[in-house]
Every structure is written in structure tokens, then in C-alpha cells.
Amino acid sequence: MAATEESIKALKIAAQAAEDKQGTNLFAVDTSEAMGLIDGFLVVSAHNERLVNAIVDAIEDELRLQANLKPTRREGRAGGRWVLLDYEDIVIHVQHEEDRAFYALDRLWSEAPRIELGLESETEAITGVDQEADSQVITEEADLMKQD
């Protein structure tokens, strides 16, 4: 049994909202085989506590607007270090980078099938290429050649 189309759509909406608010290192997995009760997880990193909460707000807003979904449970909002949003079929973890590294949910779920989110940053992570950084290097090299 694989994750439902509705769950995958909700994960993609949440991922796009997170990326739009500077969420980084997005990781989505299909947990339907391993857990049975939950179709998928989305894990997102943020640089600081305020950004964790901003990403959570954006995810909640977009899932409400685009999929008519509200979380059945929210944990960790006050601390702003790790917020868990439970939508019954999907669970979203927004974590401060330090907490993400410490708890390593990615490693825990490394064997689960990845869900492709169709995001720009996802392509970068898969290919290992930061196109913006590459463009900057090329521009700098061109400037150096002009000076010579």
C-alpha cells in the first residue's frame, strides 16, 4: 500500500509553503508500508526559532486554503525548536537545524521510499549542484579574466 494521492498532494503543498518561507533541506518519505497509520512525513529545517514558527504558519495557511486541512494536533510551538503538525494521514516536522542534526529523522527514515516534491531545492539536493552558486563562480571567473 502506497501513500494516497491526497496525502502526496498535501505534502507537496506543505513543502512549497515551507520552501517559500526559507525552509531548507526538505525531506519527504512514504511511511505507509512501515507504519500503516500515516502515509507520509515531511521534515523541514529552519535557521532559527522565528523562522520555524513562520514556516509552520505558512504550512498551516496553505494546507487550509488549498486542501481544506487543519492539523488535528500541534506540538512544540512555544519553543520554536521543533514543531510537529499532525494531519492524521501526514505528519510534518519543522525543526531548527541543530535539532534536526541531533535527532536525525532523515537517518531513521532513510530506508523509506522518498516522495518527490517537485521543488527547485530538491533538484539541487539530488544533483548536488547549487545553480546560483555555480552562476556566481562563473561570473567571478569572467570578471577575473577581464582584469587580466
Protein backbone atom coordinates (compact mmCIF):
# COMPACT_ATOMS: atom_id res chain seq x y z
CA MET A 1 0.00 0.00 0.00
CA ALA A 2 1.45 3.36 -1.04
CA ALA A 3 0.66 6.87 0.15
CA THR A 4 -2.60 8.21 -1.26
CA GLU A 5 -2.70 10.92 -3.91
CA GLU A 6 -4.36 13.27 -1.40
CA SER A 7 -1.53 12.77 1.08
CA ILE A 8 1.15 13.31 -1.55
CA LYS A 9 -0.64 16.46 -2.74
CA ALA A 10 -0.82 17.75 0.86
CA LEU A 11 2.90 17.04 1.38
CA LYS A 12 3.72 18.94 -1.81
CA ILE A 13 1.60 21.92 -0.75
CA ALA A 14 3.29 21.95 2.65
CA ALA A 15 6.74 21.61 1.10
CA GLN A 16 6.17 24.51 -1.28
CA ALA A 17 4.90 26.69 1.57
CA ALA A 18 7.97 25.78 3.62
CA GLU A 19 10.36 26.49 0.77
CA ASP A 20 8.65 29.84 0.11
CA LYS A 21 9.42 30.80 3.75
CA GLN A 22 13.09 29.77 3.50
CA GLY A 23 12.68 26.24 4.82
CA THR A 24 15.69 24.15 3.86
CA ASN A 25 16.73 20.54 3.46
CA LEU A 26 13.20 19.29 2.75
CA PHE A 27 12.79 15.53 3.01
CA ALA A 28 9.53 13.64 2.41
CA VAL A 29 9.03 9.90 2.75
CA ASP A 30 6.24 7.43 2.19
CA THR A 31 5.69 5.75 5.55
CA SER A 32 2.52 3.85 4.62
CA GLU A 33 4.24 0.46 4.43
CA ALA A 34 6.24 0.86 7.62
CA MET A 35 3.55 2.45 9.80
CA GLY A 36 0.19 1.74 8.26
CA LEU A 37 -1.50 4.67 10.02
CA ILE A 38 0.43 7.52 8.41
CA ASP A 39 1.01 7.95 4.68
CA GLY A 40 4.00 10.25 4.88
CA PHE A 41 6.35 12.52 6.76
CA LEU A 42 7.78 15.85 5.70
CA VAL A 43 10.84 17.15 7.52
CA VAL A 44 11.96 20.77 7.09
CA SER A 45 14.87 22.70 8.59
CA ALA A 46 14.97 26.34 9.66
CA HIS A 47 17.88 28.58 10.69
CA ASN A 48 16.26 29.97 13.86
CA GLU A 49 13.21 29.76 16.13
CA ARG A 50 11.33 32.63 14.50
CA LEU A 51 11.75 31.00 11.11
CA VAL A 52 10.49 27.66 12.46
CA ASN A 53 7.27 29.37 13.54
CA ALA A 54 6.94 31.34 10.28
CA ILE A 55 7.27 28.14 8.27
CA VAL A 56 4.68 26.41 10.46
CA ASP A 57 2.26 29.31 9.95
CA ALA A 58 2.77 29.21 6.17
CA ILE A 59 2.23 25.46 6.02
CA GLU A 60 -0.95 25.65 8.07
CA ASP A 61 -2.29 28.54 5.97
CA GLU A 62 -1.60 26.86 2.63
CA LEU A 63 -2.97 23.47 3.65
CA ARG A 64 -6.12 25.19 4.90
CA LEU A 65 -6.50 27.25 1.71
CA GLN A 66 -5.53 24.67 -0.90
CA ALA A 67 -6.62 21.36 0.67
CA ASN A 68 -9.09 22.39 3.39
CA LEU A 69 -6.90 20.68 6.00
CA LYS A 70 -6.36 21.65 9.62
CA PRO A 71 -3.92 19.92 11.95
CA THR A 72 -5.53 17.61 14.47
CA ARG A 73 -2.58 18.17 16.78
CA ARG A 74 0.31 20.61 17.04
CA GLU A 75 3.27 20.07 19.37
CA GLY A 76 6.25 22.27 20.23
CA ARG A 77 5.03 25.66 19.04
CA ALA A 78 6.05 27.53 22.20
CA GLY A 79 9.72 26.54 21.99
CA GLY A 80 10.11 27.15 18.28
CA ARG A 81 12.79 24.47 18.02
CA TRP A 82 10.76 21.54 16.73
CA VAL A 83 7.12 21.82 15.75
CA LEU A 84 5.15 18.73 14.82
CA LEU A 85 1.96 19.15 12.79
CA ASP A 86 -0.26 16.07 12.75
CA TYR A 87 -2.80 15.97 9.93
CA GLU A 88 -3.69 12.30 10.63
CA ASP A 89 -2.57 10.98 7.22
CA ILE A 90 0.60 13.06 7.12
CA VAL A 91 2.94 14.42 9.78
CA ILE A 92 5.13 17.47 9.28
CA HIS A 93 8.24 18.18 11.34
CA VAL A 94 9.71 21.68 11.20
CA GLN A 95 12.98 21.67 13.09
CA HIS A 96 15.73 24.09 13.99
CA GLU A 97 18.86 22.96 12.11
CA GLU A 98 20.63 21.98 15.34
CA ASP A 99 17.73 19.80 16.49
CA ARG A 100 17.47 18.24 13.04
CA ALA A 101 21.11 17.25 13.12
CA PHE A 102 20.81 15.87 16.65
CA TYR A 103 17.64 13.80 16.20
CA ALA A 104 18.44 12.71 12.62
CA LEU A 105 14.95 11.76 11.45
CA ASP A 106 16.38 11.53 7.93
CA ARG A 107 18.62 8.67 9.01
CA LEU A 108 15.77 6.97 10.86
CA TRP A 109 13.63 7.00 7.70
CA SER A 110 16.44 6.53 5.15
CA GLU A 111 15.06 3.16 4.00
CA ALA A 112 11.54 4.50 3.37
CA PRO A 113 10.66 5.47 -0.22
CA ARG A 114 11.27 9.16 -0.94
CA ILE A 115 8.40 11.30 -2.16
CA GLU A 116 9.47 13.64 -4.93
CA LEU A 117 8.20 17.10 -4.06
CA GLY A 118 8.98 18.84 -7.35
CA LEU A 119 10.86 21.70 -5.69
CA GLU A 120 13.83 23.64 -7.01
CA SER A 121 15.85 22.93 -3.86
CA GLU A 122 15.10 19.22 -4.18
CA THR A 123 16.73 19.10 -7.61
CA GLU A 124 19.75 20.84 -6.11
CA ALA A 125 19.95 18.28 -3.30
CA ILE A 126 19.62 15.34 -5.68
CA THR A 127 22.17 16.60 -8.21
CA GLY A 128 24.45 18.17 -5.63
CA VAL A 129 24.56 21.31 -7.75
CA ASP A 130 23.81 24.75 -6.40
CA GLN A 131 22.98 26.56 -9.63
CA GLU A 132 23.04 30.02 -8.06
CA ALA A 133 26.48 29.42 -6.53
CA ASP A 134 27.75 27.98 -9.83
CA SER A 135 26.48 31.07 -11.66
CA GLN A 136 28.27 33.31 -9.14
CA VAL A 137 31.56 31.41 -9.61
CA ILE A 138 31.29 31.68 -13.40
CA THR A 139 30.62 35.42 -13.14
CA GLU A 140 33.59 35.90 -10.80
CA GLU A 141 35.88 33.92 -13.14
CA ALA A 142 34.72 36.01 -16.09
CA ASP A 143 35.45 39.21 -14.15
CA LEU A 144 38.95 37.96 -13.30
CA MET A 145 39.66 37.16 -16.95
CA LYS A 146 38.58 40.67 -17.97
CA GLN A 147 41.04 42.15 -15.47
CA ASP A 148 43.96 40.14 -16.92
